């Protein structure tokens, strides 16, 4: 028993699973799936033609003869954005490109806009910037607009409350992507 404990790896040594370098999907053969067999392939979300080529090869290797139906049973590297089981490969690649460009912020925008990629893309036209907090944005906005605040009153202004009111009034959208990191968008 002591030999087993001596040879066991310490808990801190076990690393978290590696994240994929780029978004990818797991496409499963439905003929095999319906027969109780798992058969599919992880495919990088590169171009629709390359994905189709990989899917055709996966279906040709299926344990079920004449397999032709497929579905997306899993995906990773999309930062939490949702993909439908039967999303087109054009949609998969467009979303992968968007997530690779904007990361977690892109996924949060997708969620906010109900998985509407066109709306999420359009939101960047109204991007106000990255700040430590929404309060910092509100304070910077007042400085940028030239509003004079006497130094004796500056400490009485609750910038956090002002930013909260701007968000509640629908003037801005605030997305937090990390500690001391928020992204502000003007609402349309």
Protein backbone atom coordinates (compact mmCIF):
# COMPACT_ATOMS: atom_id res chain seq x y z
CA UNK A 1 0.00 0.00 0.00
CA UNK A 2 2.78 2.42 0.82
CA UNK A 3 4.39 1.70 -2.58
CA UNK A 4 1.17 2.71 -4.31
CA UNK A 5 1.01 5.95 -2.36
CA UNK A 6 4.67 6.72 -2.99
CA UNK A 7 4.24 6.30 -6.76
CA UNK A 8 0.97 8.21 -7.01
CA UNK A 9 1.15 11.58 -8.74
CA UNK A 10 0.42 14.55 -6.51
CA UNK A 11 -2.96 16.17 -7.06
CA UNK A 12 -1.40 19.40 -8.27
CA UNK A 13 0.47 17.52 -11.00
CA UNK A 14 -2.69 16.56 -12.88
CA UNK A 15 -3.25 19.19 -15.49
CA UNK A 16 -6.58 20.41 -16.78
CA UNK A 17 -7.54 19.09 -20.21
CA UNK A 18 -5.89 21.07 -22.97
CA UNK A 19 -8.12 23.55 -24.76
CA UNK A 20 -8.33 23.18 -28.51
CA UNK A 21 -6.28 25.59 -30.58
CA UNK A 22 -9.30 26.35 -32.74
CA UNK A 23 -13.02 25.60 -32.70
CA UNK A 24 -13.99 22.09 -33.73
CA UNK A 25 -17.10 19.94 -33.95
CA UNK A 26 -17.80 16.26 -33.34
CA UNK A 27 -19.86 14.92 -36.22
CA UNK A 28 -21.55 11.57 -35.61
CA UNK A 29 -22.90 9.02 -38.04
CA UNK A 30 -26.64 8.71 -37.29
CA UNK A 31 -26.97 5.22 -38.82
CA UNK A 32 -24.34 3.93 -36.40
CA UNK A 33 -25.80 5.95 -33.52
CA UNK A 34 -29.29 4.54 -34.12
CA UNK A 35 -27.79 1.04 -34.14
CA UNK A 36 -26.23 1.62 -30.73
CA UNK A 37 -22.72 2.27 -31.96
CA UNK A 38 -20.79 5.50 -31.51
CA UNK A 39 -19.02 6.43 -34.71
CA UNK A 40 -17.91 9.95 -35.53
CA UNK A 41 -14.99 12.29 -35.87
CA UNK A 42 -13.69 15.55 -34.37
CA UNK A 43 -13.32 18.03 -37.22
CA UNK A 44 -11.64 21.44 -37.17
CA UNK A 45 -14.03 24.25 -38.15
CA UNK A 46 -11.97 25.52 -41.08
CA UNK A 47 -14.03 25.73 -44.28
CA UNK A 48 -17.35 24.16 -45.22
CA UNK A 49 -15.72 22.17 -48.05
CA UNK A 50 -13.04 20.73 -45.75
CA UNK A 51 -15.67 19.78 -43.17
CA UNK A 52 -17.81 18.08 -45.85
CA UNK A 53 -14.76 16.13 -47.02
CA UNK A 54 -14.11 14.90 -43.46
CA UNK A 55 -17.80 14.03 -42.94
CA UNK A 56 -17.92 12.02 -46.18
CA UNK A 57 -14.80 10.11 -45.09
CA UNK A 58 -16.30 9.46 -41.64
CA UNK A 59 -19.55 8.19 -43.16
CA UNK A 60 -17.62 5.97 -45.59
CA UNK A 61 -15.80 4.41 -42.59
CA UNK A 62 -19.07 3.81 -40.74
CA UNK A 63 -19.74 0.31 -39.38
CA UNK A 64 -23.22 0.65 -40.91
CA UNK A 65 -23.47 0.18 -44.68
CA UNK A 66 -24.66 3.08 -46.85
CA UNK A 67 -24.51 5.59 -43.99
CA UNK A 68 -25.47 9.06 -45.15
CA UNK A 69 -26.99 10.97 -42.24
CA UNK A 70 -24.95 12.90 -39.69
CA UNK A 71 -25.40 15.31 -36.79
CA UNK A 72 -23.20 17.55 -34.67
CA UNK A 73 -23.13 15.83 -31.28
CA UNK A 74 -20.51 18.00 -29.58
CA UNK A 75 -18.32 21.03 -30.10
CA UNK A 76 -15.52 22.83 -28.32
CA UNK A 77 -13.48 25.98 -28.65
CA UNK A 78 -16.57 28.15 -29.25
CA UNK A 79 -16.18 29.91 -25.84
CA UNK A 80 -19.68 28.90 -24.73
CA UNK A 81 -21.54 29.97 -27.89
CA UNK A 82 -24.27 27.53 -28.92
CA UNK A 83 -24.40 25.41 -32.04
CA UNK A 84 -27.42 23.48 -33.27
CA UNK A 85 -27.19 19.75 -33.90
CA UNK A 86 -28.01 20.39 -37.56
CA UNK A 87 -26.23 23.72 -38.09
CA UNK A 88 -24.93 24.17 -41.61
CA UNK A 89 -21.19 23.94 -42.03
CA UNK A 90 -21.27 27.53 -43.34
CA UNK A 91 -22.80 28.59 -40.00
CA UNK A 92 -20.24 26.53 -38.07
CA UNK A 93 -17.34 28.16 -39.92
CA UNK A 94 -18.78 31.69 -39.66
CA UNK A 95 -19.26 31.27 -35.91
CA UNK A 96 -15.77 29.76 -35.54
CA UNK A 97 -14.25 32.76 -37.35
CA UNK A 98 -16.21 35.18 -35.14
CA UNK A 99 -15.16 33.40 -31.94
CA UNK A 100 -11.52 33.18 -33.05
CA UNK A 101 -11.58 36.93 -33.68
CA UNK A 102 -13.47 38.04 -30.55
CA UNK A 103 -13.08 35.14 -28.08
CA UNK A 104 -15.18 35.07 -24.92
CA UNK A 105 -16.61 38.53 -25.67
CA UNK A 106 -17.95 37.24 -28.98
CA UNK A 107 -19.64 34.32 -27.22
CA UNK A 108 -21.22 36.66 -24.66
CA UNK A 109 -22.56 38.84 -27.48
CA UNK A 110 -23.95 35.76 -29.22
CA UNK A 111 -25.76 34.78 -26.04
CA UNK A 112 -27.07 38.32 -25.52
CA UNK A 113 -28.46 38.47 -29.04
CA UNK A 114 -30.08 35.02 -28.93
CA UNK A 115 -27.37 33.30 -31.01
CA UNK A 116 -27.91 35.76 -33.88
CA UNK A 117 -24.47 36.10 -35.48
CA UNK A 118 -25.48 39.09 -37.62
CA UNK A 119 -26.62 41.04 -34.53
CA UNK A 120 -23.47 40.08 -32.61
CA UNK A 121 -21.29 41.29 -35.50
CA UNK A 122 -23.28 44.53 -35.81
CA UNK A 123 -22.81 45.27 -32.11
CA UNK A 124 -19.12 45.95 -32.73
CA UNK A 125 -20.14 49.05 -34.71
CA UNK A 126 -21.20 50.48 -31.33
CA UNK A 127 -18.21 49.27 -29.33
CA UNK A 128 -17.18 51.91 -26.77
CA UNK A 129 -14.10 50.10 -25.47
CA UNK A 130 -12.55 48.00 -22.72
CA UNK A 131 -12.40 49.39 -19.19
CA UNK A 132 -11.55 48.24 -15.68
CA UNK A 133 -15.19 48.83 -14.69
CA UNK A 134 -18.38 50.40 -15.96
CA UNK A 135 -17.77 53.18 -13.42
CA UNK A 136 -14.45 53.96 -15.12
CA UNK A 137 -16.32 54.20 -18.43
CA UNK A 138 -18.87 56.63 -16.97
CA UNK A 139 -16.14 58.81 -15.48
CA UNK A 140 -14.11 58.77 -18.72
CA UNK A 141 -17.22 59.63 -20.74
CA UNK A 142 -17.79 62.75 -18.65
CA UNK A 143 -14.16 63.77 -18.98
CA UNK A 144 -14.24 63.21 -22.75
CA UNK A 145 -17.40 65.29 -23.20
CA UNK A 146 -15.78 68.23 -21.42
CA UNK A 147 -18.13 68.30 -18.47
CA UNK A 148 -16.47 70.47 -15.79
CA UNK A 149 -16.80 69.05 -12.32
CA UNK A 150 -15.31 71.13 -9.54
CA UNK A 151 -12.63 69.24 -7.66
CA UNK A 152 -14.50 69.80 -4.39
CA UNK A 153 -17.53 67.88 -5.77
CA UNK A 154 -15.71 65.13 -7.66
CA UNK A 155 -15.66 62.76 -4.67
CA UNK A 156 -19.44 63.01 -4.25
CA UNK A 157 -20.20 61.56 -7.67
CA UNK A 158 -21.09 57.89 -7.62
CA UNK A 159 -19.73 56.76 -10.99
CA UNK A 160 -20.81 53.16 -10.35
CA UNK A 161 -24.42 54.26 -9.81
CA UNK A 162 -24.26 56.41 -12.93
CA UNK A 163 -22.95 53.47 -15.00
CA UNK A 164 -25.61 51.17 -13.51
CA UNK A 165 -28.32 53.68 -14.44
CA UNK A 166 -26.93 53.94 -17.99
CA UNK A 167 -27.15 50.16 -18.32
CA UNK A 168 -30.63 49.96 -16.75
CA UNK A 169 -31.88 52.78 -18.99
CA UNK A 170 -30.66 50.85 -22.02
CA UNK A 171 -27.99 53.36 -23.01
CA UNK A 172 -25.10 50.88 -22.73
CA UNK A 173 -24.49 47.14 -22.59
CA UNK A 174 -21.78 45.88 -20.23
CA UNK A 175 -20.01 42.52 -20.62
CA UNK A 176 -17.49 41.35 -18.05
CA UNK A 177 -14.77 39.08 -19.43
CA UNK A 178 -12.40 39.02 -16.48
CA UNK A 179 -11.46 40.56 -13.18
CA UNK A 180 -11.19 44.30 -13.77
CA UNK A 181 -12.16 43.89 -17.43
CA UNK A 182 -15.47 44.99 -18.90
CA UNK A 183 -16.44 45.78 -22.47
CA UNK A 184 -18.94 48.55 -23.12
CA UNK A 185 -21.23 48.83 -26.13
CA UNK A 186 -23.65 51.63 -26.92
CA UNK A 187 -27.20 50.33 -27.28
CA UNK A 188 -29.01 50.92 -30.52
